Amino acid sequence: MPRVIVCDVNETLLDVGALEPAFDAGFGDSRALHEWFTTLLLYSEVATLAGPYADFSSIGAAALDMTAAARGIVLADAVRTRILRGMRSLPAHPDVPDGLAAMRDAGLRLVTLTNSAPAAAEQQLAHAGLSGYFERVFSVDAVRQFKPAPDVYRSVATSLDLAPGQLRMVAAHAWDVTGALRAGYAAAFIARPGKVLYPLGPQPDIVAPDFREAARRIIEAECLD
């Protein structure tokens, strides 16, 4: 049987870069977006390793305040709200609908696995017009740990009553790919601009420059074996 395709959401399916104008307005520098999102990911891992657990939106708000404080900025409430609410209304990357449609039409099962809380993830996918492609939306909230903790990936396999090797993670993050591979998944890495694989970790069998090409290679690997 073909593997079930497990898609990451933020940056893989959805374009976080759409928040750049809000960061430019609040920080006077759109590059603060990268600082914020990196801080958000870092402290989600801190929450997993050291605790306490908080949902991704709460950590995102704390990380935004940290980013502002590090730059000596006090964000206006309107800008802060615009950024945090903006995470729930991100557009899909242009290559994503075609790739999802191709995999669906090839008969592949599609689910998501995201750091976002369940309600936020559902809202994100609905706003981006992607909900109809997925049979399940999985969140790290189920195990109260963030990716790349191995229990996160194993929980999806358990929920689907499958072995980890029967799933394939698709992500634009090297840490997500590494976590999935270490948990026993196959993986496909979306090498979006600025995204590179971790050279000391296990390597995926599929590396593609965009989601559309990744889908083509996944279909070849899963449906033609």
C-alpha atoms as a PDB file:
ATOM      1  CA  MET A   1       0.000   0.000   0.000  1.00  0.00           C
ATOM      2  CA  PRO A   2       1.245   3.543  -0.694  1.00  0.00           C
ATOM      3  CA  ARG A   3       2.308   5.487   2.339  1.00  0.00           C
ATOM      4  CA  VAL A   4      -0.005   8.051   3.897  1.00  0.00           C
ATOM      5  CA  ILE A   5       1.328  11.539   3.141  1.00  0.00           C
ATOM      6  CA  VAL A   6       1.705  13.715   6.246  1.00  0.00           C
ATOM      7  CA  CYS A   7       2.088  17.412   5.431  1.00  0.00           C
ATOM      8  CA  ASP A   8       3.541  20.079   7.675  1.00  0.00           C
ATOM      9  CA  VAL A   9       1.501  23.294   7.532  1.00  0.00           C
ATOM     10  CA  ASN A  10       3.392  26.504   8.411  1.00  0.00           C
ATOM     11  CA  GLU A  11       5.980  27.394   5.729  1.00  0.00           C
ATOM     12  CA  THR A  12       5.444  24.069   3.923  1.00  0.00           C
ATOM     13  CA  LEU A  13       1.838  24.599   2.800  1.00  0.00           C
ATOM     14  CA  LEU A  14       1.297  28.188   3.950  1.00  0.00           C
ATOM     15  CA  ASP A  15       3.381  31.264   3.179  1.00  0.00           C
ATOM     16  CA  VAL A  16       4.484  32.811   6.472  1.00  0.00           C
ATOM     17  CA  GLY A  17       6.245  35.449   4.366  1.00  0.00           C
ATOM     18  CA  ALA A  18       2.825  37.069   3.866  1.00  0.00           C
ATOM     19  CA  LEU A  19       3.366  38.613   7.319  1.00  0.00           C
ATOM     20  CA  GLU A  20       6.331  40.705   6.122  1.00  0.00           C
ATOM     21  CA  PRO A  21       4.272  43.919   5.646  1.00  0.00           C
ATOM     22  CA  ALA A  22       3.026  43.685   9.240  1.00  0.00           C
ATOM     23  CA  PHE A  23       6.575  43.283  10.530  1.00  0.00           C
ATOM     24  CA  ASP A  24       7.743  46.140   8.354  1.00  0.00           C
ATOM     25  CA  ALA A  25       5.010  48.310   9.874  1.00  0.00           C
ATOM     26  CA  GLY A  26       5.736  47.274  13.449  1.00  0.00           C
ATOM     27  CA  PHE A  27       9.513  46.908  13.404  1.00  0.00           C
ATOM     28  CA  GLY A  28      10.523  49.037  10.439  1.00  0.00           C
ATOM     29  CA  ASP A  29      12.248  45.915   9.129  1.00  0.00           C
ATOM     30  CA  SER A  30      10.513  42.972   7.467  1.00  0.00           C
ATOM     31  CA  ARG A  31      13.495  40.777   8.412  1.00  0.00           C
ATOM     32  CA  ALA A  32      12.180  40.772  11.982  1.00  0.00           C
ATOM     33  CA  LEU A  33       9.706  38.159  10.734  1.00  0.00           C
ATOM     34  CA  HIS A  34      12.531  35.631  10.413  1.00  0.00           C
ATOM     35  CA  GLU A  35      13.829  36.481  13.887  1.00  0.00           C
ATOM     36  CA  TRP A  36      10.374  36.047  15.370  1.00  0.00           C
ATOM     37  CA  PHE A  37       9.594  32.741  13.672  1.00  0.00           C
ATOM     38  CA  THR A  38      13.001  31.320  14.589  1.00  0.00           C
ATOM     39  CA  THR A  39      12.411  32.367  18.215  1.00  0.00           C
ATOM     40  CA  LEU A  40       8.955  30.794  18.109  1.00  0.00           C
ATOM     41  CA  LEU A  41      10.381  27.473  16.923  1.00  0.00           C
ATOM     42  CA  LEU A  42      13.211  27.587  19.460  1.00  0.00           C
ATOM     43  CA  TYR A  43      10.903  28.123  22.418  1.00  0.00           C
ATOM     44  CA  SER A  44       8.460  25.487  21.248  1.00  0.00           C
ATOM     45  CA  GLU A  45      11.380  23.085  21.592  1.00  0.00           C
ATOM     46  CA  VAL A  46      12.224  24.569  25.003  1.00  0.00           C
ATOM     47  CA  ALA A  47       8.612  23.918  26.050  1.00  0.00           C
ATOM     48  CA  THR A  48       9.013  20.300  24.971  1.00  0.00           C
ATOM     49  CA  LEU A  49      12.366  19.689  26.639  1.00  0.00           C
ATOM     50  CA  ALA A  50      12.063  21.788  29.784  1.00  0.00           C
ATOM     51  CA  GLY A  51       8.392  22.766  30.067  1.00  0.00           C
ATOM     52  CA  PRO A  52       5.919  24.146  30.723  1.00  0.00           C
ATOM     53  CA  TYR A  53       3.824  23.292  27.699  1.00  0.00           C
ATOM     54  CA  ALA A  54       1.849  26.102  26.062  1.00  0.00           C
ATOM     55  CA  ASP A  55       0.095  26.078  22.706  1.00  0.00           C
ATOM     56  CA  PHE A  56       1.846  27.391  19.596  1.00  0.00           C
ATOM     57  CA  SER A  57      -0.142  30.632  19.507  1.00  0.00           C
ATOM     58  CA  SER A  58       0.785  31.461  23.101  1.00  0.00           C
ATOM     59  CA  ILE A  59       4.452  30.788  22.425  1.00  0.00           C
ATOM     60  CA  GLY A  60       4.149  32.880  19.265  1.00  0.00           C
ATOM     61  CA  ALA A  61       2.859  35.824  21.295  1.00  0.00           C
ATOM     62  CA  ALA A  62       5.675  35.445  23.841  1.00  0.00           C
ATOM     63  CA  ALA A  63       8.254  35.154  21.050  1.00  0.00           C
ATOM     64  CA  LEU A  64       6.882  38.317  19.430  1.00  0.00           C
ATOM     65  CA  ASP A  65       7.309  40.226  22.678  1.00  0.00           C
ATOM     66  CA  MET A  66      10.846  38.845  23.020  1.00  0.00           C
ATOM     67  CA  THR A  67      11.723  39.906  19.468  1.00  0.00           C
ATOM     68  CA  ALA A  68      10.406  43.403  20.103  1.00  0.00           C
ATOM     69  CA  ALA A  69      12.255  43.685  23.432  1.00  0.00           C
ATOM     70  CA  ALA A  70      15.508  42.522  21.843  1.00  0.00           C
ATOM     71  CA  ARG A  71      15.181  45.360  19.324  1.00  0.00           C
ATOM     72  CA  GLY A  72      14.148  47.933  21.927  1.00  0.00           C
ATOM     73  CA  ILE A  73      10.677  48.283  20.439  1.00  0.00           C
ATOM     74  CA  VAL A  74       7.281  48.509  22.087  1.00  0.00           C
ATOM     75  CA  LEU A  75       4.769  47.171  19.587  1.00  0.00           C
ATOM     76  CA  ALA A  76       1.480  48.971  19.176  1.00  0.00           C
ATOM     77  CA  ASP A  77      -1.413  46.728  20.181  1.00  0.00           C
ATOM     78  CA  ALA A  78      -2.886  46.962  16.695  1.00  0.00           C
ATOM     79  CA  VAL A  79       0.332  45.741  15.080  1.00  0.00           C
ATOM     80  CA  ARG A  80       0.752  42.928  17.604  1.00  0.00           C
ATOM     81  CA  THR A  81      -2.809  41.774  16.967  1.00  0.00           C
ATOM     82  CA  ARG A  82      -2.346  42.038  13.188  1.00  0.00           C
ATOM     83  CA  ILE A  83       0.683  39.740  13.318  1.00  0.00           C
ATOM     84  CA  LEU A  84      -0.771  37.139  15.658  1.00  0.00           C
ATOM     85  CA  ARG A  85      -4.128  36.994  13.876  1.00  0.00           C
ATOM     86  CA  GLY A  86      -2.290  36.936  10.570  1.00  0.00           C
ATOM     87  CA  MET A  87      -0.907  33.491  11.375  1.00  0.00           C
ATOM     88  CA  ARG A  88      -4.455  32.161  11.058  1.00  0.00           C
ATOM     89  CA  SER A  89      -5.047  33.728   7.644  1.00  0.00           C
ATOM     90  CA  LEU A  90      -1.892  32.881   5.705  1.00  0.00           C
ATOM     91  CA  PRO A  91      -2.203  32.133   1.983  1.00  0.00           C
ATOM     92  CA  ALA A  92      -1.084  28.845   0.508  1.00  0.00           C
ATOM     93  CA  HIS A  93       2.152  28.848  -1.467  1.00  0.00           C
ATOM     94  CA  PRO A  94       1.172  28.963  -5.168  1.00  0.00           C
ATOM     95  CA  ASP A  95       2.635  25.506  -5.854  1.00  0.00           C
ATOM     96  CA  VAL A  96       0.666  23.781  -3.074  1.00  0.00           C
ATOM     97  CA  PRO A  97      -2.879  23.336  -4.522  1.00  0.00           C
ATOM     98  CA  ASP A  98      -1.554  21.689  -7.690  1.00  0.00           C
ATOM     99  CA  GLY A  99       0.662  19.337  -5.687  1.00  0.00           C
ATOM    100  CA  LEU A 100      -2.111  18.361  -3.291  1.00  0.00           C
ATOM    101  CA  ALA A 101      -4.567  17.822  -6.144  1.00  0.00           C
ATOM    102  CA  ALA A 102      -2.082  15.626  -7.989  1.00  0.00           C
ATOM    103  CA  MET A 103      -1.504  13.415  -4.948  1.00  0.00           C
ATOM    104  CA  ARG A 104      -5.209  13.213  -4.168  1.00  0.00           C
ATOM    105  CA  ASP A 105      -6.020  12.309  -7.772  1.00  0.00           C
ATOM    106  CA  ALA A 106      -3.327   9.616  -7.661  1.00  0.00           C
ATOM    107  CA  GLY A 107      -5.209   8.017  -4.768  1.00  0.00           C
ATOM    108  CA  LEU A 108      -2.837   8.983  -1.972  1.00  0.00           C
ATOM    109  CA  ARG A 109      -4.223   9.603   1.507  1.00  0.00           C
ATOM    110  CA  LEU A 110      -3.355  13.065   2.846  1.00  0.00           C
ATOM    111  CA  VAL A 111      -3.236  14.313   6.448  1.00  0.00           C
ATOM    112  CA  THR A 112      -1.496  17.204   8.159  1.00  0.00           C
ATOM    113  CA  LEU A 113       0.704  17.337  11.243  1.00  0.00           C
ATOM    114  CA  THR A 114       1.300  20.796  12.641  1.00  0.00           C
ATOM    115  CA  ASN A 115       2.612  22.601  15.678  1.00  0.00           C
ATOM    116  CA  SER A 116      -0.509  24.773  15.553  1.00  0.00           C
ATOM    117  CA  ALA A 117      -3.337  23.961  17.965  1.00  0.00           C
ATOM    118  CA  PRO A 118      -6.304  22.097  16.423  1.00  0.00           C
ATOM    119  CA  ALA A 119      -8.679  25.068  16.120  1.00  0.00           C
ATOM    120  CA  ALA A 120      -5.944  27.282  14.685  1.00  0.00           C
ATOM    121  CA  ALA A 121      -4.900  24.602  12.185  1.00  0.00           C
ATOM    122  CA  GLU A 122      -8.479  24.100  11.002  1.00  0.00           C
ATOM    123  CA  GLN A 123      -8.871  27.866  10.552  1.00  0.00           C
ATOM    124  CA  GLN A 124      -5.559  28.141   8.693  1.00  0.00           C
ATOM    125  CA  LEU A 125      -6.416  25.387   6.225  1.00  0.00           C
ATOM    126  CA  ALA A 126      -9.954  26.651   5.680  1.00  0.00           C
ATOM    127  CA  HIS A 127      -8.782  30.214   4.993  1.00  0.00           C
ATOM    128  CA  ALA A 128      -6.174  28.945   2.522  1.00  0.00           C
ATOM    129  CA  GLY A 129      -8.755  26.776   0.737  1.00  0.00           C
ATOM    130  CA  LEU A 130      -6.921  23.537   1.537  1.00  0.00           C
ATOM    131  CA  SER A 131      -9.229  21.779   4.002  1.00  0.00           C
ATOM    132  CA  GLY A 132     -10.831  19.562   1.377  1.00  0.00           C
ATOM    133  CA  TYR A 133      -7.589  17.800   0.537  1.00  0.00           C
ATOM    134  CA  PHE A 134      -7.046  16.269   3.981  1.00  0.00           C
ATOM    135  CA  GLU A 135      -8.840  13.443   5.752  1.00  0.00           C
ATOM    136  CA  ARG A 136      -7.382  14.329   9.163  1.00  0.00           C
ATOM    137  CA  VAL A 137      -5.709  17.342  10.768  1.00  0.00           C
ATOM    138  CA  PHE A 138      -3.255  16.263  13.458  1.00  0.00           C
ATOM    139  CA  SER A 139      -1.802  18.640  16.029  1.00  0.00           C
ATOM    140  CA  VAL A 140       1.024  18.308  18.519  1.00  0.00           C
ATOM    141  CA  ASP A 141      -1.534  19.237  21.196  1.00  0.00           C
ATOM    142  CA  ALA A 142      -2.487  15.553  21.285  1.00  0.00           C
ATOM    143  CA  VAL A 143       0.791  14.722  23.050  1.00  0.00           C
ATOM    144  CA  ARG A 144       1.639  18.217  24.391  1.00  0.00           C
ATOM    145  CA  GLN A 145       5.063  18.133  22.783  1.00  0.00           C
ATOM    146  CA  PHE A 146       6.257  19.949  19.685  1.00  0.00           C
ATOM    147  CA  LYS A 147       7.937  18.576  16.613  1.00  0.00           C
ATOM    148  CA  PRO A 148      10.536  17.132  16.245  1.00  0.00           C
ATOM    149  CA  ALA A 149       9.818  15.103  19.419  1.00  0.00           C
ATOM    150  CA  PRO A 150       9.440  11.456  18.351  1.00  0.00           C
ATOM    151  CA  ASP A 151       6.171  10.940  20.248  1.00  0.00           C
ATOM    152  CA  VAL A 152       4.505  13.492  17.975  1.00  0.00           C
ATOM    153  CA  TYR A 153       5.149  11.435  14.842  1.00  0.00           C
ATOM    154  CA  ARG A 154       4.367   8.139  16.562  1.00  0.00           C
ATOM    155  CA  SER A 155       1.024   9.492  17.766  1.00  0.00           C
ATOM    156  CA  VAL A 156      -0.101  10.048  14.169  1.00  0.00           C
ATOM    157  CA  ALA A 157       0.866   6.499  13.200  1.00  0.00           C
ATOM    158  CA  THR A 158      -1.014   5.157  16.221  1.00  0.00           C
ATOM    159  CA  SER A 159      -4.112   7.220  15.410  1.00  0.00           C
ATOM    160  CA  LEU A 160      -4.120   5.876  11.862  1.00  0.00           C
ATOM    161  CA  ASP A 161      -3.403   2.324  13.073  1.00  0.00           C
ATOM    162  CA  LEU A 162      -0.272   2.209  10.921  1.00  0.00           C
ATOM    163  CA  ALA A 163       3.403   1.540  11.482  1.00  0.00           C
ATOM    164  CA  PRO A 164       5.595   4.668  11.222  1.00  0.00           C
ATOM    165  CA  GLY A 165       7.168   3.275   8.063  1.00  0.00           C
ATOM    166  CA  GLN A 166       3.778   3.509   6.366  1.00  0.00           C
ATOM    167  CA  LEU A 167       3.843   7.303   6.576  1.00  0.00           C
ATOM    168  CA  ARG A 168       5.804   9.940   4.676  1.00  0.00           C
ATOM    169  CA  MET A 169       6.423  13.407   6.141  1.00  0.00           C
ATOM    170  CA  VAL A 170       6.508  16.341   3.727  1.00  0.00           C
ATOM    171  CA  ALA A 171       8.111  19.462   5.162  1.00  0.00           C
ATOM    172  CA  ALA A 172      10.194  22.526   4.322  1.00  0.00           C
ATOM    173  CA  HIS A 173      12.059  22.241   7.636  1.00  0.00           C
ATOM    174  CA  ALA A 174      15.168  20.121   8.073  1.00  0.00           C
ATOM    175  CA  TRP A 175      14.350  19.564  11.757  1.00  0.00           C
ATOM    176  CA  ASP A 176      10.905  18.216  10.858  1.00  0.00           C
ATOM    177  CA  VAL A 177      12.334  15.870   8.251  1.00  0.00           C
ATOM    178  CA  THR A 178      15.004  14.697  10.692  1.00  0.00           C
ATOM    179  CA  GLY A 179      12.429  14.074  13.414  1.00  0.00           C
ATOM    180  CA  ALA A 180      10.171  12.121  11.093  1.00  0.00           C
ATOM    181  CA  LEU A 181      12.990   9.988   9.713  1.00  0.00           C
ATOM    182  CA  ARG A 182      14.271   9.240  13.215  1.00  0.00           C
ATOM    183  CA  ALA A 183      10.739   8.170  14.180  1.00  0.00           C
ATOM    184  CA  GLY A 184      10.653   5.685  11.305  1.00  0.00           C
ATOM    185  CA  TYR A 185       8.826   7.652   8.601  1.00  0.00           C
ATOM    186  CA  ALA A 186       9.912   8.219   5.039  1.00  0.00           C
ATOM    187  CA  ALA A 187      10.209  11.911   4.163  1.00  0.00           C
ATOM    188  CA  ALA A 188      10.237  14.465   1.382  1.00  0.00           C
ATOM    189  CA  PHE A 189      12.029  17.789   1.858  1.00  0.00           C
ATOM    190  CA  ILE A 190      10.761  20.949   0.162  1.00  0.00           C
ATOM    191  CA  ALA A 191      13.896  23.005  -0.464  1.00  0.00           C
ATOM    192  CA  ARG A 192      12.209  26.386  -0.539  1.00  0.00           C
ATOM    193  CA  PRO A 193      14.590  29.395  -0.814  1.00  0.00           C
ATOM    194  CA  GLY A 194      16.860  29.495   2.214  1.00  0.00           C
ATOM    195  CA  LYS A 195      15.885  26.004   3.377  1.00  0.00           C
ATOM    196  CA  VAL A 196      18.605  23.336   3.496  1.00  0.00           C
ATOM    197  CA  LEU A 197      18.905  19.870   4.986  1.00  0.00           C
ATOM    198  CA  TYR A 198      20.775  19.129   8.203  1.00  0.00           C
ATOM    199  CA  PRO A 199      23.949  17.337   7.013  1.00  0.00           C
ATOM    200  CA  LEU A 200      24.447  15.317  10.212  1.00  0.00           C
ATOM    201  CA  GLY A 201      20.968  13.798  10.195  1.00  0.00           C
ATOM    202  CA  PRO A 202      19.380  11.005   8.138  1.00  0.00           C
ATOM    203  CA  GLN A 203      18.584  12.085   4.605  1.00  0.00           C
ATOM    204  CA  PRO A 204      15.213  11.808   2.845  1.00  0.00           C
ATOM    205  CA  ASP A 205      14.848   9.956  -0.443  1.00  0.00           C
ATOM    206  CA  ILE A 206      12.984  12.894  -1.997  1.00  0.00           C
ATOM    207  CA  VAL A 207      14.283  16.468  -2.159  1.00  0.00           C
ATOM    208  CA  ALA A 208      12.421  18.917  -4.395  1.00  0.00           C
ATOM    209  CA  PRO A 209      12.553  22.683  -4.993  1.00  0.00           C
ATOM    210  CA  ASP A 210       8.801  23.152  -4.537  1.00  0.00           C
ATOM    211  CA  PHE A 211       5.651  21.330  -3.490  1.00  0.00           C
ATOM    212  CA  ARG A 212       4.473  20.635  -7.027  1.00  0.00           C
ATOM    213  CA  GLU A 213       7.691  18.803  -7.927  1.00  0.00           C
ATOM    214  CA  ALA A 214       7.736  17.005  -4.573  1.00  0.00           C
ATOM    215  CA  ALA A 215       4.236  15.712  -5.289  1.00  0.00           C
ATOM    216  CA  ARG A 216       5.322  14.388  -8.678  1.00  0.00           C
ATOM    217  CA  ARG A 217       8.241  12.506  -7.121  1.00  0.00           C
ATOM    218  CA  ILE A 218       6.102  11.219  -4.258  1.00  0.00           C
ATOM    219  CA  ILE A 219       3.555   9.831  -6.722  1.00  0.00           C
ATOM    220  CA  GLU A 220       6.350   8.095  -8.608  1.00  0.00           C
ATOM    221  CA  ALA A 221       7.790   6.641  -5.411  1.00  0.00           C
ATOM    222  CA  GLU A 222       4.514   5.596  -3.791  1.00  0.00           C
ATOM    223  CA  CYS A 223       2.327   4.607  -6.720  1.00  0.00           C
ATOM    224  CA  LEU A 224       4.777   3.068  -9.161  1.00  0.00           C
ATOM    225  CA  ASP A 225       6.820   0.794  -6.868  1.00  0.00           C
END
